[in-house]
Structure formats: C-alpha cells, structure tokens
C-alpha cells in the first residue's frame, strides 16, 4: 500500500481524491491546508485526517510515503 499525504486542499486535491478512489493500493493518510476552514471541509468530506501542521504531514509519510502539493 502506498501512503500519500496532501498539502493544499483546493480544487486539485479534490481531483486527486477522485482518482485515488479507483486505486485501492493508495491510502491517503493525512492532509493539510493553511486555510483552516478549507482543511476542515476537505478532511470531513473525504474522511481524511487533518494534520495540525506541515511537520505532522511530513511525519505521516516519512521514509515510505509520497507528499502531493
């Protein structure tokens, strides 16, 4: 399973999530956005853990994951 974290929860992040829906081998483990309202809405809509800050996102995918921006 490939672990992925997303930084930036705007329009493109929604496209990523739609694409990941057909790839069960990809697990989106966290997301982050500097806009707290956008982060909360994205996290709730896609049921993805919202990271408190960028350091937390990096920790989620350290060593074996992928960070999408």
PDB file of N, CA and C in Angstrom:
ATOM      1  N   UNK A   1       0.845  -1.181   0.000  1.00  0.00           N
ATOM      2  CA  UNK A   1       0.000   0.000   0.000  1.00  0.00           C
ATOM      3  C   UNK A   1       0.882   1.232   0.000  1.00  0.00           C
ATOM      4  N   UNK A   2       0.594   2.159  -0.887  1.00  0.00           N
ATOM      5  CA  UNK A   2       1.328   3.427  -0.958  1.00  0.00           C
ATOM      6  C   UNK A   2       0.638   4.453  -0.081  1.00  0.00           C
ATOM      7  N   UNK A   3       1.384   5.026   0.856  1.00  0.00           N
ATOM      8  CA  UNK A   3       0.860   6.065   1.748  1.00  0.00           C
ATOM      9  C   UNK A   3       1.095   7.428   1.122  1.00  0.00           C
ATOM     10  N   UNK A   4       0.046   8.261   1.118  1.00  0.00           N
ATOM     11  CA  UNK A   4       0.096   9.579   0.489  1.00  0.00           C
ATOM     12  C   UNK A   4      -0.447  10.616   1.463  1.00  0.00           C
ATOM     13  N   UNK A   5       0.186  11.787   1.487  1.00  0.00           N
ATOM     14  CA  UNK A   5      -0.330  12.936   2.223  1.00  0.00           C
ATOM     15  C   UNK A   5      -0.493  14.077   1.224  1.00  0.00           C
ATOM     16  N   UNK A   6      -1.493  14.900   1.450  1.00  0.00           N
ATOM     17  CA  UNK A   6      -1.796  16.006   0.535  1.00  0.00           C
ATOM     18  C   UNK A   6      -1.601  17.334   1.266  1.00  0.00           C
ATOM     19  N   UNK A   7      -0.856  18.241   0.632  1.00  0.00           N
ATOM     20  CA  UNK A   7      -0.712  19.606   1.138  1.00  0.00           C
ATOM     21  C   UNK A   7      -1.415  20.523   0.153  1.00  0.00           C
ATOM     22  N   UNK A   8      -2.402  21.233   0.648  1.00  0.00           N
ATOM     23  CA  UNK A   8      -3.233  22.087  -0.192  1.00  0.00           C
ATOM     24  C   UNK A   8      -4.540  21.367  -0.502  1.00  0.00           C
ATOM     25  N   UNK A   9      -5.630  21.849   0.039  1.00  0.00           N
ATOM     26  CA  UNK A   9      -6.918  21.149  -0.066  1.00  0.00           C
ATOM     27  C   UNK A   9      -7.897  21.862  -0.986  1.00  0.00           C
ATOM     28  N   UNK A  10      -7.394  22.429  -2.044  1.00  0.00           N
ATOM     29  CA  UNK A  10      -8.244  23.113  -3.012  1.00  0.00           C
ATOM     30  C   UNK A  10      -8.744  22.190  -4.111  1.00  0.00           C
ATOM     31  N   UNK A  11      -9.038  22.764  -5.243  1.00  0.00           N
ATOM     32  CA  UNK A  11      -9.649  22.071  -6.365  1.00  0.00           C
ATOM     33  C   UNK A  11      -8.854  20.847  -6.824  1.00  0.00           C
ATOM     34  N   UNK A  12      -7.550  20.987  -6.956  1.00  0.00           N
ATOM     35  CA  UNK A  12      -6.723  19.882  -7.445  1.00  0.00           C
ATOM     36  C   UNK A  12      -6.732  18.718  -6.460  1.00  0.00           C
ATOM     37  N   UNK A  13      -6.753  19.008  -5.176  1.00  0.00           N
ATOM     38  CA  UNK A  13      -6.807  17.938  -4.173  1.00  0.00           C
ATOM     39  C   UNK A  13      -8.081  17.107  -4.332  1.00  0.00           C
ATOM     40  N   UNK A  14      -9.180  17.745  -4.670  1.00  0.00           N
ATOM     41  CA  UNK A  14     -10.415  17.003  -4.931  1.00  0.00           C
ATOM     42  C   UNK A  14     -10.258  16.085  -6.136  1.00  0.00           C
ATOM     43  N   UNK A  15      -9.557  16.549  -7.161  1.00  0.00           N
ATOM     44  CA  UNK A  15      -9.301  15.705  -8.331  1.00  0.00           C
ATOM     45  C   UNK A  15      -8.442  14.506  -7.947  1.00  0.00           C
ATOM     46  N   UNK A  16      -7.418  14.743  -7.127  1.00  0.00           N
ATOM     47  CA  UNK A  16      -6.598  13.631  -6.642  1.00  0.00           C
ATOM     48  C   UNK A  16      -7.466  12.589  -5.942  1.00  0.00           C
ATOM     49  N   UNK A  17      -8.337  13.044  -5.058  1.00  0.00           N
ATOM     50  CA  UNK A  17      -9.154  12.117  -4.275  1.00  0.00           C
ATOM     51  C   UNK A  17     -10.085  11.304  -5.174  1.00  0.00           C
ATOM     52  N   UNK A  18     -10.642  11.917  -6.195  1.00  0.00           N
ATOM     53  CA  UNK A  18     -11.487  11.171  -7.132  1.00  0.00           C
ATOM     54  C   UNK A  18     -10.675  10.104  -7.855  1.00  0.00           C
ATOM     55  N   UNK A  19      -9.459  10.448  -8.214  1.00  0.00           N
ATOM     56  CA  UNK A  19      -8.582   9.476  -8.883  1.00  0.00           C
ATOM     57  C   UNK A  19      -8.188   8.346  -7.950  1.00  0.00           C
ATOM     58  N   UNK A  20      -7.883   8.670  -6.705  1.00  0.00           N
ATOM     59  CA  UNK A  20      -7.478   7.641  -5.738  1.00  0.00           C
ATOM     60  C   UNK A  20      -8.599   6.652  -5.448  1.00  0.00           C
ATOM     61  N   UNK A  21      -9.833   7.060  -5.654  1.00  0.00           N
ATOM     62  CA  UNK A  21     -10.974   6.174  -5.385  1.00  0.00           C
ATOM     63  C   UNK A  21     -10.913   4.891  -6.209  1.00  0.00           C
ATOM     64  N   UNK A  22     -10.275   4.944  -7.359  1.00  0.00           N
ATOM     65  CA  UNK A  22     -10.171   3.752  -8.205  1.00  0.00           C
ATOM     66  C   UNK A  22      -8.823   3.048  -8.060  1.00  0.00           C
ATOM     67  N   UNK A  23      -8.061   3.452  -7.058  1.00  0.00           N
ATOM     68  CA  UNK A  23      -6.755   2.840  -6.778  1.00  0.00           C
ATOM     69  C   UNK A  23      -6.690   2.409  -5.315  1.00  0.00           C
ATOM     70  N   UNK A  24      -7.213   1.236  -5.011  1.00  0.00           N
ATOM     71  CA  UNK A  24      -7.254   0.784  -3.619  1.00  0.00           C
ATOM     72  C   UNK A  24      -5.871   0.574  -2.994  1.00  0.00           C
ATOM     73  N   UNK A  25      -4.839   0.557  -3.816  1.00  0.00           N
ATOM     74  CA  UNK A  25      -3.491   0.378  -3.290  1.00  0.00           C
ATOM     75  C   UNK A  25      -2.903   1.683  -2.732  1.00  0.00           C
ATOM     76  N   UNK A  26      -3.639   2.776  -2.866  1.00  0.00           N
ATOM     77  CA  UNK A  26      -3.202   4.075  -2.358  1.00  0.00           C
ATOM     78  C   UNK A  26      -4.045   4.450  -1.149  1.00  0.00           C
ATOM     79  N   UNK A  27      -3.360   4.831  -0.077  1.00  0.00           N
ATOM     80  CA  UNK A  27      -4.030   5.258   1.150  1.00  0.00           C
ATOM     81  C   UNK A  27      -3.648   6.705   1.441  1.00  0.00           C
ATOM     82  N   UNK A  28      -4.617   7.598   1.460  1.00  0.00           N
ATOM     83  CA  UNK A  28      -4.362   8.990   1.812  1.00  0.00           C
ATOM     84  C   UNK A  28      -4.425   9.067   3.338  1.00  0.00           C
ATOM     85  N   UNK A  29      -3.269   9.344   3.947  1.00  0.00           N
ATOM     86  CA  UNK A  29      -3.169   9.260   5.408  1.00  0.00           C
ATOM     87  C   UNK A  29      -3.372  10.586   6.120  1.00  0.00           C
ATOM     88  N   UNK A  30      -3.161  11.698   5.429  1.00  0.00           N
ATOM     89  CA  UNK A  30      -3.404  12.994   6.047  1.00  0.00           C
ATOM     90  C   UNK A  30      -3.440  14.091   4.995  1.00  0.00           C
ATOM     91  N   UNK A  31      -3.921  15.248   5.437  1.00  0.00           N
ATOM     92  CA  UNK A  31      -3.971  16.408   4.559  1.00  0.00           C
ATOM     93  C   UNK A  31      -3.715  17.652   5.396  1.00  0.00           C
ATOM     94  N   UNK A  32      -3.294  18.706   4.709  1.00  0.00           N
ATOM     95  CA  UNK A  32      -3.035  19.974   5.398  1.00  0.00           C
ATOM     96  C   UNK A  32      -3.300  21.125   4.447  1.00  0.00           C
ATOM     97  N   UNK A  33      -3.828  22.206   5.000  1.00  0.00           N
ATOM     98  CA  UNK A  33      -4.006  23.447   4.257  1.00  0.00           C
ATOM     99  C   UNK A  33      -3.851  24.589   5.250  1.00  0.00           C
ATOM    100  N   UNK A  34      -3.247  25.683   4.839  1.00  0.00           N
ATOM    101  CA  UNK A  34      -3.072  26.811   5.760  1.00  0.00           C
ATOM    102  C   UNK A  34      -4.391  27.508   6.063  1.00  0.00           C
ATOM    103  N   UNK A  35      -5.401  27.272   5.233  1.00  0.00           N
ATOM    104  CA  UNK A  35      -6.749  27.797   5.470  1.00  0.00           C
ATOM    105  C   UNK A  35      -7.511  26.761   6.296  1.00  0.00           C
ATOM    106  N   UNK A  36      -7.731  27.058   7.565  1.00  0.00           N
ATOM    107  CA  UNK A  36      -8.339  26.093   8.491  1.00  0.00           C
ATOM    108  C   UNK A  36      -9.742  25.659   8.052  1.00  0.00           C
ATOM    109  N   UNK A  37     -10.524  26.568   7.510  1.00  0.00           N
ATOM    110  CA  UNK A  37     -11.884  26.217   7.074  1.00  0.00           C
ATOM    111  C   UNK A  37     -11.843  25.264   5.881  1.00  0.00           C
ATOM    112  N   UNK A  38     -10.946  25.521   4.935  1.00  0.00           N
ATOM    113  CA  UNK A  38     -10.819  24.642   3.772  1.00  0.00           C
ATOM    114  C   UNK A  38     -10.300  23.269   4.196  1.00  0.00           C
ATOM    115  N   UNK A  39      -9.336  23.244   5.117  1.00  0.00           N
ATOM    116  CA  UNK A  39      -8.818  21.984   5.637  1.00  0.00           C
ATOM    117  C   UNK A  39      -9.927  21.177   6.297  1.00  0.00           C
ATOM    118  N   UNK A  40     -10.721  21.813   7.133  1.00  0.00           N
ATOM    119  CA  UNK A  40     -11.805  21.121   7.841  1.00  0.00           C
ATOM    120  C   UNK A  40     -12.841  20.566   6.863  1.00  0.00           C
ATOM    121  N   UNK A  41     -13.200  21.356   5.871  1.00  0.00           N
ATOM    122  CA  UNK A  41     -14.201  20.905   4.897  1.00  0.00           C
ATOM    123  C   UNK A  41     -13.683  19.728   4.077  1.00  0.00           C
ATOM    124  N   UNK A  42     -12.445  19.815   3.607  1.00  0.00           N
ATOM    125  CA  UNK A  42     -11.854  18.742   2.810  1.00  0.00           C
ATOM    126  C   UNK A  42     -11.725  17.477   3.638  1.00  0.00           C
ATOM    127  N   UNK A  43     -11.202  17.610   4.838  1.00  0.00           N
ATOM    128  CA  UNK A  43     -10.999  16.465   5.722  1.00  0.00           C
ATOM    129  C   UNK A  43     -12.314  15.750   6.016  1.00  0.00           C
ATOM    130  N   UNK A  44     -13.336  16.515   6.308  1.00  0.00           N
ATOM    131  CA  UNK A  44     -14.647  15.935   6.605  1.00  0.00           C
ATOM    132  C   UNK A  44     -15.257  15.281   5.371  1.00  0.00           C
ATOM    133  N   UNK A  45     -15.201  15.961   4.252  1.00  0.00           N
ATOM    134  CA  UNK A  45     -15.814  15.450   3.019  1.00  0.00           C
ATOM    135  C   UNK A  45     -15.170  14.133   2.576  1.00  0.00           C
ATOM    136  N   UNK A  46     -13.840  14.062   2.618  1.00  0.00           N
ATOM    137  CA  UNK A  46     -13.120  12.889   2.122  1.00  0.00           C
ATOM    138  C   UNK A  46     -12.730  11.909   3.230  1.00  0.00           C
ATOM    139  N   UNK A  47     -13.085  12.226   4.468  1.00  0.00           N
ATOM    140  CA  UNK A  47     -12.769  11.356   5.604  1.00  0.00           C
ATOM    141  C   UNK A  47     -11.259  11.064   5.686  1.00  0.00           C
ATOM    142  N   UNK A  48     -10.483  12.146   5.644  1.00  0.00           N
ATOM    143  CA  UNK A  48      -9.023  12.071   5.736  1.00  0.00           C
ATOM    144  C   UNK A  48      -8.596  12.860   6.972  1.00  0.00           C
ATOM    145  N   UNK A  49      -7.639  12.329   7.702  1.00  0.00           N
ATOM    146  CA  UNK A  49      -7.150  13.006   8.904  1.00  0.00           C
ATOM    147  C   UNK A  49      -6.537  14.356   8.544  1.00  0.00           C
ATOM    148  N   UNK A  50      -6.936  15.385   9.269  1.00  0.00           N
ATOM    149  CA  UNK A  50      -6.377  16.723   9.086  1.00  0.00           C
ATOM    150  C   UNK A  50      -5.143  16.864   9.964  1.00  0.00           C
ATOM    151  N   UNK A  51      -4.026  17.207   9.364  1.00  0.00           N
ATOM    152  CA  UNK A  51      -2.789  17.409  10.114  1.00  0.00           C
ATOM    153  C   UNK A  51      -2.793  18.790  10.752  1.00  0.00           C
ATOM    154  N   UNK A  52      -2.194  18.885  11.917  1.00  0.00           N
ATOM    155  CA  UNK A  52      -2.144  20.156  12.631  1.00  0.00           C
ATOM    156  C   UNK A  52      -1.182  21.147  11.982  1.00  0.00           C
ATOM    157  N   UNK A  53      -0.138  20.631  11.325  1.00  0.00           N
ATOM    158  CA  UNK A  53       0.863  21.486  10.694  1.00  0.00           C
ATOM    159  C   UNK A  53       1.655  20.672   9.666  1.00  0.00           C
ATOM    160  N   UNK A  54       2.548  21.336   8.962  1.00  0.00           N
ATOM    161  CA  UNK A  54       3.332  20.645   7.933  1.00  0.00           C
ATOM    162  C   UNK A  54       4.239  19.569   8.517  1.00  0.00           C
ATOM    163  N   UNK A  55       4.780  19.808   9.693  1.00  0.00           N
ATOM    164  CA  UNK A  55       5.647  18.800  10.319  1.00  0.00           C
ATOM    165  C   UNK A  55       4.896  17.487  10.511  1.00  0.00           C
ATOM    166  N   UNK A  56       3.642  17.557  10.895  1.00  0.00           N
ATOM    167  CA  UNK A  56       2.831  16.352  11.086  1.00  0.00           C
ATOM    168  C   UNK A  56       2.610  15.628   9.759  1.00  0.00           C
ATOM    169  N   UNK A  57       2.429  16.378   8.684  1.00  0.00           N
ATOM    170  CA  UNK A  57       2.251  15.770   7.357  1.00  0.00           C
ATOM    171  C   UNK A  57       3.515  15.017   6.967  1.00  0.00           C
ATOM    172  N   UNK A  58       4.654  15.654   7.148  1.00  0.00           N
ATOM    173  CA  UNK A  58       5.928  15.009   6.804  1.00  0.00           C
ATOM    174  C   UNK A  58       6.135  13.743   7.614  1.00  0.00           C
ATOM    175  N   UNK A  59       5.758  13.763   8.859  1.00  0.00           N
ATOM    176  CA  UNK A  59       5.901  12.591   9.724  1.00  0.00           C
ATOM    177  C   UNK A  59       5.050  11.433   9.218  1.00  0.00           C
ATOM    178  N   UNK A  60       3.870  11.717   8.727  1.00  0.00           N
ATOM    179  CA  UNK A  60       2.956  10.687   8.239  1.00  0.00           C
ATOM    180  C   UNK A  60       3.542   9.875   7.079  1.00  0.00           C
ATOM    181  N   UNK A  61       4.344  10.515   6.248  1.00  0.00           N
ATOM    182  CA  UNK A  61       4.852   9.837   5.055  1.00  0.00           C
ATOM    183  C   UNK A  61       6.371   9.666   5.052  1.00  0.00           C
ATOM    184  N   UNK A  62       6.998   9.970   6.159  1.00  0.00           N
ATOM    185  CA  UNK A  62       8.460   9.916   6.241  1.00  0.00           C
ATOM    186  C   UNK A  62       8.990   8.542   5.830  1.00  0.00           C
ATOM    187  N   UNK A  63       9.925   8.555   4.915  1.00  0.00           N
ATOM    188  CA  UNK A  63      10.614   7.336   4.520  1.00  0.00           C
ATOM    189  C   UNK A  63       9.937   6.491   3.467  1.00  0.00           C
ATOM    190  N   UNK A  64       8.633   6.289   3.572  1.00  0.00           N
ATOM    191  CA  UNK A  64       7.987   5.361   2.658  1.00  0.00           C
ATOM    192  C   UNK A  64       6.788   5.943   1.924  1.00  0.00           C
ATOM    193  N   UNK A  65       6.488   7.196   2.156  1.00  0.00           N
ATOM    194  CA  UNK A  65       5.278   7.752   1.548  1.00  0.00           C
ATOM    195  C   UNK A  65       5.569   8.795   0.488  1.00  0.00           C
ATOM    196  N   UNK A  66       4.489   9.413   0.036  1.00  0.00           N
ATOM    197  CA  UNK A  66       4.541  10.400  -1.017  1.00  0.00           C
ATOM    198  C   UNK A  66       3.779  11.628  -0.554  1.00  0.00           C
ATOM    199  N   UNK A  67       4.355  12.800  -0.806  1.00  0.00           N
ATOM    200  CA  UNK A  67       3.707  14.054  -0.464  1.00  0.00           C
ATOM    201  C   UNK A  67       3.265  14.735  -1.753  1.00  0.00           C
ATOM    202  N   UNK A  68       1.984  15.015  -1.860  1.00  0.00           N
ATOM    203  CA  UNK A  68       1.449  15.730  -3.026  1.00  0.00           C
ATOM    204  C   UNK A  68       1.141  17.162  -2.644  1.00  0.00           C
ATOM    205  N   UNK A  69       1.563  18.082  -3.501  1.00  0.00           N
ATOM    206  CA  UNK A  69       1.326  19.503  -3.235  1.00  0.00           C
ATOM    207  C   UNK A  69       0.593  20.057  -4.431  1.00  0.00           C
TER     208      UNK A  69
END
